[in-house]
Amino acid sequence: MYLRKRKNGKIVILERGNKQRTYNPDDVIFLSQYDPQQQVYGLPDYLGSIQSSMLNQDATLFRRRYFKNGAHMGFIFYATDPNLSDDDEKMLKEKIASSKGVGNFRSMFVNIPNGHEKGIQLIPVGDIATKDEFERIKNITAQDILVGHRFPAGKGGMMPQPGSNFPDPEKVGREYDKDEIIPVCHLIMDEVNNDPEIKGMASLHLKFDVNTGEAA
C-alpha cells in the first residue's frame, strides 16, 4: 500500500511525517499483483469488500449513537382525565423527564381532557436501528467481508446460519491451505528464488514446507 516505484527504477516506501525510505531496484524483490486497470502495483483481493466493512462499522456506530444520545422516543404517557390539575400535570412531566439517564429513551407526557382512545398515535416510518434491519446489515456485511478475503467462516469463528452446522475445522483448514495458502507460497518462492542475485545461490533459496505452511 505504501510502496512506490520511481521513474529512475528505485523503490520508495512512504512513511509517516512525509518521510521516504529509498531502496535500490536490486535490493527489492517486487511481486506485483494483477489489476486490469494498471500493471504497476496491482490490487489486493479484499479491496472489493472494503465498502461492506465500512457499512458494518457505520451500522454499529449508528446503533451505539442511537442509544447513547437518548434523543429517540421511548413511550408516550397518554392521559384523558379532564380533572387532572395543572400541578399534577407538571409533577408528572417532571417525574418522566427526571427518569431519563444516559443512553435511555426520551419519553413524552400528553394530557388531552376527554380525549379519545386513539387521539394520539405514534406511527413509525422506518428505522435502521430496529432489530431485524440491524441484524440483516451485520449478517450480510460479515458474509461479504469473509468472501472478500476468501476466508472460511468456520475458521473465522463465525456462527453458522440457522439450519446449518459447523463444518469440520480440520477439513476446512486443509482445503483452505490447498486452495489459498499453498499457491501463494509457491508464488513467493518462485519470485524470490528466481531473483538474479539469489537464483545461483541455493543456500539463500526460500523454501516453504507446503505441508505445514512453515518456512524452512
C-alpha atoms as a PDB file:
ATOM      1  CA  MET A   1       0.000   0.000   0.000  1.00  0.00           C
ATOM      2  CA  TYR A   2       2.821   2.410   0.787  1.00  0.00           C
ATOM      3  CA  LEU A   3       5.286   1.259  -1.862  1.00  0.00           C
ATOM      4  CA  ARG A   4       6.001   3.322  -4.961  1.00  0.00           C
ATOM      5  CA  LYS A   5       8.338   2.916  -7.900  1.00  0.00           C
ATOM      6  CA  ARG A   6      10.165   5.975  -9.169  1.00  0.00           C
ATOM      7  CA  LYS A   7      10.874   6.749 -12.809  1.00  0.00           C
ATOM      8  CA  ASN A   8      14.563   6.007 -12.241  1.00  0.00           C
ATOM      9  CA  GLY A   9      13.628   2.484 -11.093  1.00  0.00           C
ATOM     10  CA  LYS A  10      14.263   2.982  -7.381  1.00  0.00           C
ATOM     11  CA  ILE A  11      11.714   1.767  -4.842  1.00  0.00           C
ATOM     12  CA  VAL A  12      10.306   4.108  -2.185  1.00  0.00           C
ATOM     13  CA  ILE A  13       8.413   3.219   0.993  1.00  0.00           C
ATOM     14  CA  LEU A  14       6.207   6.099   2.133  1.00  0.00           C
ATOM     15  CA  GLU A  15       6.354   6.674   5.895  1.00  0.00           C
ATOM     16  CA  ARG A  16       4.624   8.978   8.354  1.00  0.00           C
ATOM     17  CA  GLY A  17       5.621  12.607   8.522  1.00  0.00           C
ATOM     18  CA  ASN A  18       6.218  12.794   4.748  1.00  0.00           C
ATOM     19  CA  LYS A  19       9.325  10.664   5.152  1.00  0.00           C
ATOM     20  CA  GLN A  20      10.540   8.280   2.476  1.00  0.00           C
ATOM     21  CA  ARG A  21      12.756   5.224   2.629  1.00  0.00           C
ATOM     22  CA  THR A  22      14.520   4.558  -0.653  1.00  0.00           C
ATOM     23  CA  TYR A  23      15.885   1.231  -1.921  1.00  0.00           C
ATOM     24  CA  ASN A  24      17.877   0.337  -4.994  1.00  0.00           C
ATOM     25  CA  PRO A  25      15.970  -1.821  -7.513  1.00  0.00           C
ATOM     26  CA  ASP A  26      18.371  -4.731  -6.938  1.00  0.00           C
ATOM     27  CA  ASP A  27      17.567  -4.751  -3.218  1.00  0.00           C
ATOM     28  CA  VAL A  28      13.822  -5.286  -3.656  1.00  0.00           C
ATOM     29  CA  ILE A  29      12.024  -8.358  -4.920  1.00  0.00           C
ATOM     30  CA  PHE A  30       8.863  -6.863  -6.345  1.00  0.00           C
ATOM     31  CA  LEU A  31       5.949  -9.285  -6.508  1.00  0.00           C
ATOM     32  CA  SER A  32       3.188  -7.460  -8.385  1.00  0.00           C
ATOM     33  CA  GLN A  33      -0.458  -8.467  -8.389  1.00  0.00           C
ATOM     34  CA  TYR A  34      -2.805  -8.440 -11.331  1.00  0.00           C
ATOM     35  CA  ASP A  35      -5.000  -5.419 -11.922  1.00  0.00           C
ATOM     36  CA  PRO A  36      -6.887  -4.889 -15.200  1.00  0.00           C
ATOM     37  CA  GLN A  37      -6.600  -1.091 -14.906  1.00  0.00           C
ATOM     38  CA  GLN A  38      -2.863  -0.733 -14.323  1.00  0.00           C
ATOM     39  CA  GLN A  39       0.162  -3.019 -14.308  1.00  0.00           C
ATOM     40  CA  VAL A  40       2.468  -1.468 -11.725  1.00  0.00           C
ATOM     41  CA  TYR A  41       1.197  -2.256  -8.255  1.00  0.00           C
ATOM     42  CA  GLY A  42      -1.915  -4.371  -8.598  1.00  0.00           C
ATOM     43  CA  LEU A  43      -4.805  -4.509  -6.161  1.00  0.00           C
ATOM     44  CA  PRO A  44      -5.457  -6.857  -3.208  1.00  0.00           C
ATOM     45  CA  ASP A  45      -8.342  -9.317  -3.485  1.00  0.00           C
ATOM     46  CA  TYR A  46     -10.035  -7.972  -0.371  1.00  0.00           C
ATOM     47  CA  LEU A  47     -10.455  -4.483  -1.828  1.00  0.00           C
ATOM     48  CA  GLY A  48     -13.935  -5.355  -3.070  1.00  0.00           C
ATOM     49  CA  SER A  49     -15.178  -5.925   0.479  1.00  0.00           C
ATOM     50  CA  ILE A  50     -13.914  -2.623   1.889  1.00  0.00           C
ATOM     51  CA  GLN A  51     -17.305  -0.953   1.406  1.00  0.00           C
ATOM     52  CA  SER A  52     -19.027  -3.799   3.272  1.00  0.00           C
ATOM     53  CA  SER A  53     -16.542  -3.399   6.114  1.00  0.00           C
ATOM     54  CA  MET A  54     -17.297   0.312   6.282  1.00  0.00           C
ATOM     55  CA  LEU A  55     -21.055  -0.313   6.181  1.00  0.00           C
ATOM     56  CA  ASN A  56     -20.697  -2.808   9.028  1.00  0.00           C
ATOM     57  CA  GLN A  57     -18.812  -0.207  11.046  1.00  0.00           C
ATOM     58  CA  ASP A  58     -21.293   2.562  10.215  1.00  0.00           C
ATOM     59  CA  ALA A  59     -24.265   0.403  11.231  1.00  0.00           C
ATOM     60  CA  THR A  60     -22.640  -0.406  14.569  1.00  0.00           C
ATOM     61  CA  LEU A  61     -21.667   3.216  15.272  1.00  0.00           C
ATOM     62  CA  PHE A  62     -25.126   4.446  14.290  1.00  0.00           C
ATOM     63  CA  ARG A  63     -26.759   1.997  16.674  1.00  0.00           C
ATOM     64  CA  ARG A  64     -24.416   2.959  19.523  1.00  0.00           C
ATOM     65  CA  ARG A  65     -25.082   6.665  18.993  1.00  0.00           C
ATOM     66  CA  TYR A  66     -28.802   5.990  18.660  1.00  0.00           C
ATOM     67  CA  PHE A  67     -28.951   4.514  22.142  1.00  0.00           C
ATOM     68  CA  LYS A  68     -26.362   6.821  23.663  1.00  0.00           C
ATOM     69  CA  ASN A  69     -27.780  10.201  22.671  1.00  0.00           C
ATOM     70  CA  GLY A  70     -31.217   9.471  24.179  1.00  0.00           C
ATOM     71  CA  ALA A  71     -32.946  11.677  21.590  1.00  0.00           C
ATOM     72  CA  HIS A  72     -35.365   8.962  20.454  1.00  0.00           C
ATOM     73  CA  MET A  73     -38.862   8.192  21.710  1.00  0.00           C
ATOM     74  CA  GLY A  74     -39.336   5.580  24.423  1.00  0.00           C
ATOM     75  CA  PHE A  75     -43.060   5.813  25.162  1.00  0.00           C
ATOM     76  CA  ILE A  76     -45.944   8.277  25.223  1.00  0.00           C
ATOM     77  CA  PHE A  77     -47.649   8.727  28.579  1.00  0.00           C
ATOM     78  CA  TYR A  78     -51.203   9.410  27.403  1.00  0.00           C
ATOM     79  CA  ALA A  79     -53.884  10.788  29.739  1.00  0.00           C
ATOM     80  CA  THR A  80     -57.509  11.774  29.098  1.00  0.00           C
ATOM     81  CA  ASP A  81     -58.558  12.790  32.602  1.00  0.00           C
ATOM     82  CA  PRO A  82     -60.234  16.257  32.468  1.00  0.00           C
ATOM     83  CA  ASN A  83     -59.826  16.594  36.238  1.00  0.00           C
ATOM     84  CA  LEU A  84     -56.042  16.422  36.130  1.00  0.00           C
ATOM     85  CA  SER A  85     -54.809  19.649  37.684  1.00  0.00           C
ATOM     86  CA  ASP A  86     -52.038  21.786  36.272  1.00  0.00           C
ATOM     87  CA  ASP A  87     -49.869  20.996  39.303  1.00  0.00           C
ATOM     88  CA  ASP A  88     -50.374  17.254  38.859  1.00  0.00           C
ATOM     89  CA  GLU A  89     -49.613  17.521  35.152  1.00  0.00           C
ATOM     90  CA  LYS A  90     -46.432  19.480  35.866  1.00  0.00           C
ATOM     91  CA  MET A  91     -45.394  16.968  38.509  1.00  0.00           C
ATOM     92  CA  LEU A  92     -45.872  14.046  36.093  1.00  0.00           C
ATOM     93  CA  LYS A  93     -43.851  15.806  33.391  1.00  0.00           C
ATOM     94  CA  GLU A  94     -41.003  16.443  35.826  1.00  0.00           C
ATOM     95  CA  LYS A  95     -41.017  12.841  37.035  1.00  0.00           C
ATOM     96  CA  ILE A  96     -40.852  11.494  33.499  1.00  0.00           C
ATOM     97  CA  ALA A  97     -38.149  13.962  32.447  1.00  0.00           C
ATOM     98  CA  SER A  98     -36.003  13.245  35.518  1.00  0.00           C
ATOM     99  CA  SER A  99     -36.142   9.488  34.930  1.00  0.00           C
ATOM    100  CA  LYS A 100     -34.015   9.799  31.793  1.00  0.00           C
ATOM    101  CA  GLY A 101     -30.453   8.602  32.232  1.00  0.00           C
ATOM    102  CA  VAL A 102     -27.503   8.360  29.879  1.00  0.00           C
ATOM    103  CA  GLY A 103     -28.463   6.226  26.914  1.00  0.00           C
ATOM    104  CA  ASN A 104     -32.134   5.885  27.880  1.00  0.00           C
ATOM    105  CA  PHE A 105     -35.076   6.668  25.659  1.00  0.00           C
ATOM    106  CA  ARG A 106     -36.826  10.004  25.921  1.00  0.00           C
ATOM    107  CA  SER A 107     -40.457   9.822  26.981  1.00  0.00           C
ATOM    108  CA  MET A 108     -43.385  12.169  26.442  1.00  0.00           C
ATOM    109  CA  PHE A 109     -46.365  13.141  28.571  1.00  0.00           C
ATOM    110  CA  VAL A 110     -49.554  14.274  26.836  1.00  0.00           C
ATOM    111  CA  ASN A 111     -52.837  15.182  28.534  1.00  0.00           C
ATOM    112  CA  ILE A 112     -55.949  15.653  26.401  1.00  0.00           C
ATOM    113  CA  PRO A 113     -59.056  16.157  28.547  1.00  0.00           C
ATOM    114  CA  ASN A 114     -61.909  13.961  27.342  1.00  0.00           C
ATOM    115  CA  GLY A 115     -59.713  12.707  24.532  1.00  0.00           C
ATOM    116  CA  HIS A 116     -60.409   9.619  22.510  1.00  0.00           C
ATOM    117  CA  GLU A 117     -58.552   6.340  22.735  1.00  0.00           C
ATOM    118  CA  LYS A 118     -56.581   6.921  19.535  1.00  0.00           C
ATOM    119  CA  GLY A 119     -56.408  10.676  19.732  1.00  0.00           C
ATOM    120  CA  ILE A 120     -52.611  10.406  19.563  1.00  0.00           C
ATOM    121  CA  GLN A 121     -50.813   7.686  17.642  1.00  0.00           C
ATOM    122  CA  LEU A 122     -47.133   7.006  17.169  1.00  0.00           C
ATOM    123  CA  ILE A 123     -46.643   5.750  13.618  1.00  0.00           C
ATOM    124  CA  PRO A 124     -43.088   4.561  12.834  1.00  0.00           C
ATOM    125  CA  VAL A 125     -41.988   5.360   9.285  1.00  0.00           C
ATOM    126  CA  GLY A 126     -38.952   3.123   9.206  1.00  0.00           C
ATOM    127  CA  ASP A 127     -35.833   2.879  11.310  1.00  0.00           C
ATOM    128  CA  ILE A 128     -32.445   1.394  10.512  1.00  0.00           C
ATOM    129  CA  ALA A 129     -31.889   0.867  14.223  1.00  0.00           C
ATOM    130  CA  THR A 130     -34.670  -1.706  14.501  1.00  0.00           C
ATOM    131  CA  LYS A 131     -33.535  -5.165  15.485  1.00  0.00           C
ATOM    132  CA  ASP A 132     -34.304  -7.012  12.248  1.00  0.00           C
ATOM    133  CA  GLU A 133     -32.751  -4.422   9.942  1.00  0.00           C
ATOM    134  CA  PHE A 134     -29.613  -4.121  12.060  1.00  0.00           C
ATOM    135  CA  GLU A 135     -29.101  -7.880  12.185  1.00  0.00           C
ATOM    136  CA  ARG A 136     -29.626  -8.117   8.440  1.00  0.00           C
ATOM    137  CA  ILE A 137     -26.966  -5.482   7.742  1.00  0.00           C
ATOM    138  CA  LYS A 138     -24.497  -7.115  10.114  1.00  0.00           C
ATOM    139  CA  ASN A 139     -25.029 -10.598   8.663  1.00  0.00           C
ATOM    140  CA  ILE A 140     -24.769  -9.526   5.028  1.00  0.00           C
ATOM    141  CA  THR A 141     -21.673  -7.398   5.530  1.00  0.00           C
ATOM    142  CA  ALA A 142     -19.993 -10.117   7.595  1.00  0.00           C
ATOM    143  CA  GLN A 143     -20.504 -12.569   4.744  1.00  0.00           C
ATOM    144  CA  ASP A 144     -19.163 -10.029   2.233  1.00  0.00           C
ATOM    145  CA  ILE A 145     -16.030  -9.498   4.314  1.00  0.00           C
ATOM    146  CA  LEU A 146     -15.337 -13.236   4.560  1.00  0.00           C
ATOM    147  CA  VAL A 147     -15.932 -13.719   0.850  1.00  0.00           C
ATOM    148  CA  GLY A 148     -13.712 -10.751   0.033  1.00  0.00           C
ATOM    149  CA  HIS A 149     -10.857 -12.299   1.982  1.00  0.00           C
ATOM    150  CA  ARG A 150     -11.722 -15.783   0.677  1.00  0.00           C
ATOM    151  CA  PHE A 151     -11.687 -16.980   4.263  1.00  0.00           C
ATOM    152  CA  PRO A 152     -13.923 -19.802   5.550  1.00  0.00           C
ATOM    153  CA  ALA A 153     -16.456 -18.681   8.134  1.00  0.00           C
ATOM    154  CA  GLY A 154     -15.785 -21.687  10.370  1.00  0.00           C
ATOM    155  CA  LYS A 155     -12.103 -20.764  10.662  1.00  0.00           C
ATOM    156  CA  GLY A 156     -13.012 -17.176  11.451  1.00  0.00           C
ATOM    157  CA  GLY A 157     -15.157 -18.022  14.464  1.00  0.00           C
ATOM    158  CA  MET A 158     -18.401 -17.148  12.675  1.00  0.00           C
ATOM    159  CA  MET A 159     -21.534 -18.780  13.999  1.00  0.00           C
ATOM    160  CA  PRO A 160     -23.331 -20.886  11.377  1.00  0.00           C
ATOM    161  CA  GLN A 161     -26.531 -19.614   9.822  1.00  0.00           C
ATOM    162  CA  PRO A 162     -29.817 -21.015  11.178  1.00  0.00           C
ATOM    163  CA  GLY A 163     -30.384 -24.506   9.847  1.00  0.00           C
ATOM    164  CA  SER A 164     -26.685 -25.174   9.181  1.00  0.00           C
ATOM    165  CA  ASN A 165     -23.911 -26.742  11.239  1.00  0.00           C
ATOM    166  CA  PHE A 166     -20.257 -26.099  11.878  1.00  0.00           C
ATOM    167  CA  PRO A 167     -18.052 -27.739   9.235  1.00  0.00           C
ATOM    168  CA  ASP A 168     -15.178 -30.000  10.216  1.00  0.00           C
ATOM    169  CA  PRO A 169     -12.409 -27.473  11.049  1.00  0.00           C
ATOM    170  CA  GLU A 170      -9.630 -29.889  10.043  1.00  0.00           C
ATOM    171  CA  LYS A 171     -11.113 -30.474   6.600  1.00  0.00           C
ATOM    172  CA  VAL A 172     -11.784 -26.773   6.145  1.00  0.00           C
ATOM    173  CA  GLY A 173      -8.219 -25.960   7.146  1.00  0.00           C
ATOM    174  CA  ARG A 174      -6.728 -28.478   4.700  1.00  0.00           C
ATOM    175  CA  GLU A 175      -8.868 -27.213   1.819  1.00  0.00           C
ATOM    176  CA  TYR A 176      -8.078 -23.604   2.655  1.00  0.00           C
ATOM    177  CA  ASP A 177      -4.369 -24.366   2.708  1.00  0.00           C
ATOM    178  CA  LYS A 178      -4.598 -26.201  -0.621  1.00  0.00           C
ATOM    179  CA  ASP A 179      -6.665 -23.557  -2.398  1.00  0.00           C
ATOM    180  CA  GLU A 180      -5.349 -20.326  -0.879  1.00  0.00           C
ATOM    181  CA  ILE A 181      -2.148 -20.553   1.163  1.00  0.00           C
ATOM    182  CA  ILE A 182      -0.060 -23.070  -0.774  1.00  0.00           C
ATOM    183  CA  PRO A 183      -0.489 -21.319  -4.166  1.00  0.00           C
ATOM    184  CA  VAL A 184       0.693 -18.063  -2.590  1.00  0.00           C
ATOM    185  CA  CYS A 185       3.659 -19.890  -1.042  1.00  0.00           C
ATOM    186  CA  HIS A 186       4.649 -21.203  -4.482  1.00  0.00           C
ATOM    187  CA  LEU A 187       4.226 -17.746  -5.997  1.00  0.00           C
ATOM    188  CA  ILE A 188       6.511 -16.151  -3.390  1.00  0.00           C
ATOM    189  CA  MET A 189       9.096 -18.944  -3.631  1.00  0.00           C
ATOM    190  CA  ASP A 190       9.266 -18.700  -7.416  1.00  0.00           C
ATOM    191  CA  GLU A 191       9.667 -14.921  -7.327  1.00  0.00           C
ATOM    192  CA  VAL A 192      12.381 -14.957  -4.648  1.00  0.00           C
ATOM    193  CA  ASN A 193      14.334 -17.958  -5.891  1.00  0.00           C
ATOM    194  CA  ASN A 194      14.414 -16.662  -9.482  1.00  0.00           C
ATOM    195  CA  ASP A 195      15.860 -13.314  -8.459  1.00  0.00           C
ATOM    196  CA  PRO A 196      19.185 -12.816 -10.330  1.00  0.00           C
ATOM    197  CA  GLU A 197      21.188 -12.467  -7.100  1.00  0.00           C
ATOM    198  CA  ILE A 198      19.605 -15.499  -5.430  1.00  0.00           C
ATOM    199  CA  LYS A 199      18.995 -17.874  -8.315  1.00  0.00           C
ATOM    200  CA  GLY A 200      22.523 -19.290  -8.329  1.00  0.00           C
ATOM    201  CA  MET A 201      22.857 -19.490  -4.533  1.00  0.00           C
ATOM    202  CA  ALA A 202      20.902 -22.470  -3.242  1.00  0.00           C
ATOM    203  CA  SER A 203      21.671 -21.580   0.387  1.00  0.00           C
ATOM    204  CA  LEU A 204      19.586 -18.399   0.030  1.00  0.00           C
ATOM    205  CA  HIS A 205      16.600 -20.063  -1.604  1.00  0.00           C
ATOM    206  CA  LEU A 206      13.293 -19.624   0.162  1.00  0.00           C
ATOM    207  CA  LYS A 207      11.598 -22.946   0.808  1.00  0.00           C
ATOM    208  CA  PHE A 208       8.157 -23.306   2.329  1.00  0.00           C
ATOM    209  CA  ASP A 209       7.027 -26.590   3.776  1.00  0.00           C
ATOM    210  CA  VAL A 210       3.723 -26.612   1.923  1.00  0.00           C
ATOM    211  CA  ASN A 211       2.528 -29.469   4.113  1.00  0.00           C
ATOM    212  CA  THR A 212       2.630 -27.334   7.259  1.00  0.00           C
ATOM    213  CA  GLY A 213       2.738 -23.810   5.821  1.00  0.00           C
ATOM    214  CA  GLU A 214       6.005 -23.059   7.661  1.00  0.00           C
ATOM    215  CA  ALA A 215       9.187 -21.653   6.167  1.00  0.00           C
ATOM    216  CA  ALA A 216      12.210 -23.915   6.080  1.00  0.00           C
END
